[in-house]
Amino acid sequence: MSEEIYGSVWDALTDTEQEAANLKARSALLYEIRKAVLGWGLSQDEAAKRLGLTRPRTNDLLRGKLAKFSLDALVNIAAAARLEIEIRVRDAA
């Protein structure tokens, strides 16, 4: 049995670099959105209205259910949360 070392948990869980990159971007966005929404100190109903989401969808967001959100959806939610998104691209190590 050989031991493999990965750069991140996403690298270990996916079959391709593309899938890992997508998961990394989605998880980073979800984390920042969740942090912002929790900082508002609003009920889930009020947060849902501010984000333009249903309450169940907001609940999924706050519970970190990454599989339920595409990268595109998370970009839109971040914009609704008035978060500025900056994308940095660099050569992989």
C-alpha atoms as a PDB file:
ATOM      1  CA  MET A   1       0.000   0.000   0.000  1.00  0.00           C
ATOM      2  CA  SER A   2       1.495   3.335  -1.035  1.00  0.00           C
ATOM      3  CA  GLU A   3       0.957   6.648   0.664  1.00  0.00           C
ATOM      4  CA  GLU A   4       0.037   9.681  -1.443  1.00  0.00           C
ATOM      5  CA  ILE A   5       0.456  13.290  -0.381  1.00  0.00           C
ATOM      6  CA  TYR A   6      -1.924  15.924  -1.757  1.00  0.00           C
ATOM      7  CA  GLY A   7      -1.772  19.712  -1.803  1.00  0.00           C
ATOM      8  CA  SER A   8      -5.310  20.018  -0.467  1.00  0.00           C
ATOM      9  CA  VAL A   9      -8.269  17.899   0.545  1.00  0.00           C
ATOM     10  CA  TRP A  10      -9.900  18.802  -2.777  1.00  0.00           C
ATOM     11  CA  ASP A  11      -6.970  17.297  -4.674  1.00  0.00           C
ATOM     12  CA  ALA A  12      -7.419  14.084  -2.711  1.00  0.00           C
ATOM     13  CA  LEU A  13     -11.175  13.890  -3.281  1.00  0.00           C
ATOM     14  CA  THR A  14     -11.280  14.495  -7.017  1.00  0.00           C
ATOM     15  CA  ASP A  15     -10.124  12.645 -10.083  1.00  0.00           C
ATOM     16  CA  THR A  16      -8.935  15.658 -12.064  1.00  0.00           C
ATOM     17  CA  GLU A  17      -7.155  18.948 -11.485  1.00  0.00           C
ATOM     18  CA  GLN A  18     -10.128  20.710 -13.058  1.00  0.00           C
ATOM     19  CA  GLU A  19     -12.564  19.272 -10.518  1.00  0.00           C
ATOM     20  CA  ALA A  20     -10.218  20.195  -7.677  1.00  0.00           C
ATOM     21  CA  ALA A  21      -9.866  23.771  -8.969  1.00  0.00           C
ATOM     22  CA  ASN A  22     -13.638  24.130  -9.172  1.00  0.00           C
ATOM     23  CA  LEU A  23     -14.114  22.819  -5.639  1.00  0.00           C
ATOM     24  CA  LYS A  24     -11.386  25.105  -4.280  1.00  0.00           C
ATOM     25  CA  ALA A  25     -13.001  28.171  -5.843  1.00  0.00           C
ATOM     26  CA  ARG A  26     -16.496  27.187  -4.712  1.00  0.00           C
ATOM     27  CA  SER A  27     -15.410  26.425  -1.163  1.00  0.00           C
ATOM     28  CA  ALA A  28     -13.537  29.730  -0.857  1.00  0.00           C
ATOM     29  CA  LEU A  29     -16.584  31.650  -2.067  1.00  0.00           C
ATOM     30  CA  LEU A  30     -18.986  29.714   0.127  1.00  0.00           C
ATOM     31  CA  TYR A  31     -16.780  30.320   3.172  1.00  0.00           C
ATOM     32  CA  GLU A  32     -16.637  34.086   2.593  1.00  0.00           C
ATOM     33  CA  ILE A  33     -20.365  34.380   1.856  1.00  0.00           C
ATOM     34  CA  ARG A  34     -21.233  32.381   4.961  1.00  0.00           C
ATOM     35  CA  LYS A  35     -18.923  34.533   7.087  1.00  0.00           C
ATOM     36  CA  ALA A  36     -20.528  37.732   5.752  1.00  0.00           C
ATOM     37  CA  VAL A  37     -24.097  36.506   6.229  1.00  0.00           C
ATOM     38  CA  LEU A  38     -23.450  35.331   9.778  1.00  0.00           C
ATOM     39  CA  GLY A  39     -21.885  38.726  10.485  1.00  0.00           C
ATOM     40  CA  TRP A  40     -25.125  40.455   9.567  1.00  0.00           C
ATOM     41  CA  GLY A  41     -26.809  38.976  12.645  1.00  0.00           C
ATOM     42  CA  LEU A  42     -30.080  38.498  10.736  1.00  0.00           C
ATOM     43  CA  SER A  43     -32.580  35.681  10.816  1.00  0.00           C
ATOM     44  CA  GLN A  44     -32.397  33.223   7.941  1.00  0.00           C
ATOM     45  CA  ASP A  45     -35.585  34.714   6.512  1.00  0.00           C
ATOM     46  CA  GLU A  46     -34.114  38.225   6.512  1.00  0.00           C
ATOM     47  CA  ALA A  47     -30.795  36.997   5.112  1.00  0.00           C
ATOM     48  CA  ALA A  48     -32.651  35.087   2.374  1.00  0.00           C
ATOM     49  CA  LYS A  49     -34.486  38.256   1.337  1.00  0.00           C
ATOM     50  CA  ARG A  50     -31.240  40.224   1.224  1.00  0.00           C
ATOM     51  CA  LEU A  51     -29.595  37.529  -0.914  1.00  0.00           C
ATOM     52  CA  GLY A  52     -32.616  36.950  -3.152  1.00  0.00           C
ATOM     53  CA  LEU A  53     -32.789  33.292  -2.116  1.00  0.00           C
ATOM     54  CA  THR A  54     -35.401  31.070  -0.564  1.00  0.00           C
ATOM     55  CA  ARG A  55     -35.030  30.251   3.101  1.00  0.00           C
ATOM     56  CA  PRO A  56     -34.201  26.565   2.385  1.00  0.00           C
ATOM     57  CA  ARG A  57     -31.511  27.647  -0.099  1.00  0.00           C
ATOM     58  CA  THR A  58     -30.095  30.060   2.497  1.00  0.00           C
ATOM     59  CA  ASN A  59     -30.101  27.241   5.028  1.00  0.00           C
ATOM     60  CA  ASP A  60     -28.087  25.077   2.617  1.00  0.00           C
ATOM     61  CA  LEU A  61     -25.647  27.951   2.181  1.00  0.00           C
ATOM     62  CA  LEU A  62     -25.204  28.501   5.918  1.00  0.00           C
ATOM     63  CA  ARG A  63     -24.754  24.776   6.510  1.00  0.00           C
ATOM     64  CA  GLY A  64     -21.952  24.733   3.941  1.00  0.00           C
ATOM     65  CA  LYS A  65     -23.621  22.325   1.518  1.00  0.00           C
ATOM     66  CA  LEU A  66     -21.105  22.935  -1.242  1.00  0.00           C
ATOM     67  CA  ALA A  67     -22.529  20.313  -3.616  1.00  0.00           C
ATOM     68  CA  LYS A  68     -25.752  22.300  -3.907  1.00  0.00           C
ATOM     69  CA  PHE A  69     -24.072  25.399  -5.368  1.00  0.00           C
ATOM     70  CA  SER A  70     -22.381  25.955  -8.709  1.00  0.00           C
ATOM     71  CA  LEU A  71     -19.543  28.426  -9.063  1.00  0.00           C
ATOM     72  CA  ASP A  72     -21.847  30.665 -11.086  1.00  0.00           C
ATOM     73  CA  ALA A  73     -24.531  30.612  -8.387  1.00  0.00           C
ATOM     74  CA  LEU A  74     -21.983  31.447  -5.681  1.00  0.00           C
ATOM     75  CA  VAL A  75     -20.677  34.414  -7.700  1.00  0.00           C
ATOM     76  CA  ASN A  76     -24.241  35.730  -7.960  1.00  0.00           C
ATOM     77  CA  ILE A  77     -24.884  35.212  -4.248  1.00  0.00           C
ATOM     78  CA  ALA A  78     -21.610  36.947  -3.352  1.00  0.00           C
ATOM     79  CA  ALA A  79     -22.641  39.935  -5.466  1.00  0.00           C
ATOM     80  CA  ALA A  80     -26.034  40.017  -3.730  1.00  0.00           C
ATOM     81  CA  ALA A  81     -24.171  39.975  -0.407  1.00  0.00           C
ATOM     82  CA  ARG A  82     -22.208  43.008  -1.668  1.00  0.00           C
ATOM     83  CA  LEU A  83     -18.918  41.143  -1.618  1.00  0.00           C
ATOM     84  CA  GLU A  84     -16.241  42.108  -4.096  1.00  0.00           C
ATOM     85  CA  ILE A  85     -14.752  39.156  -5.906  1.00  0.00           C
ATOM     86  CA  GLU A  86     -11.164  39.208  -7.053  1.00  0.00           C
ATOM     87  CA  ILE A  87      -9.787  36.387  -9.162  1.00  0.00           C
ATOM     88  CA  ARG A  88      -6.071  35.662  -9.127  1.00  0.00           C
ATOM     89  CA  VAL A  89      -4.536  33.249 -11.570  1.00  0.00           C
ATOM     90  CA  ARG A  90      -0.978  31.988 -11.327  1.00  0.00           C
ATOM     91  CA  ASP A  91       1.094  29.098 -12.605  1.00  0.00           C
ATOM     92  CA  ALA A  92       0.606  25.929 -10.591  1.00  0.00           C
ATOM     93  CA  ALA A  93       3.565  24.897  -8.501  1.00  0.00           C
END
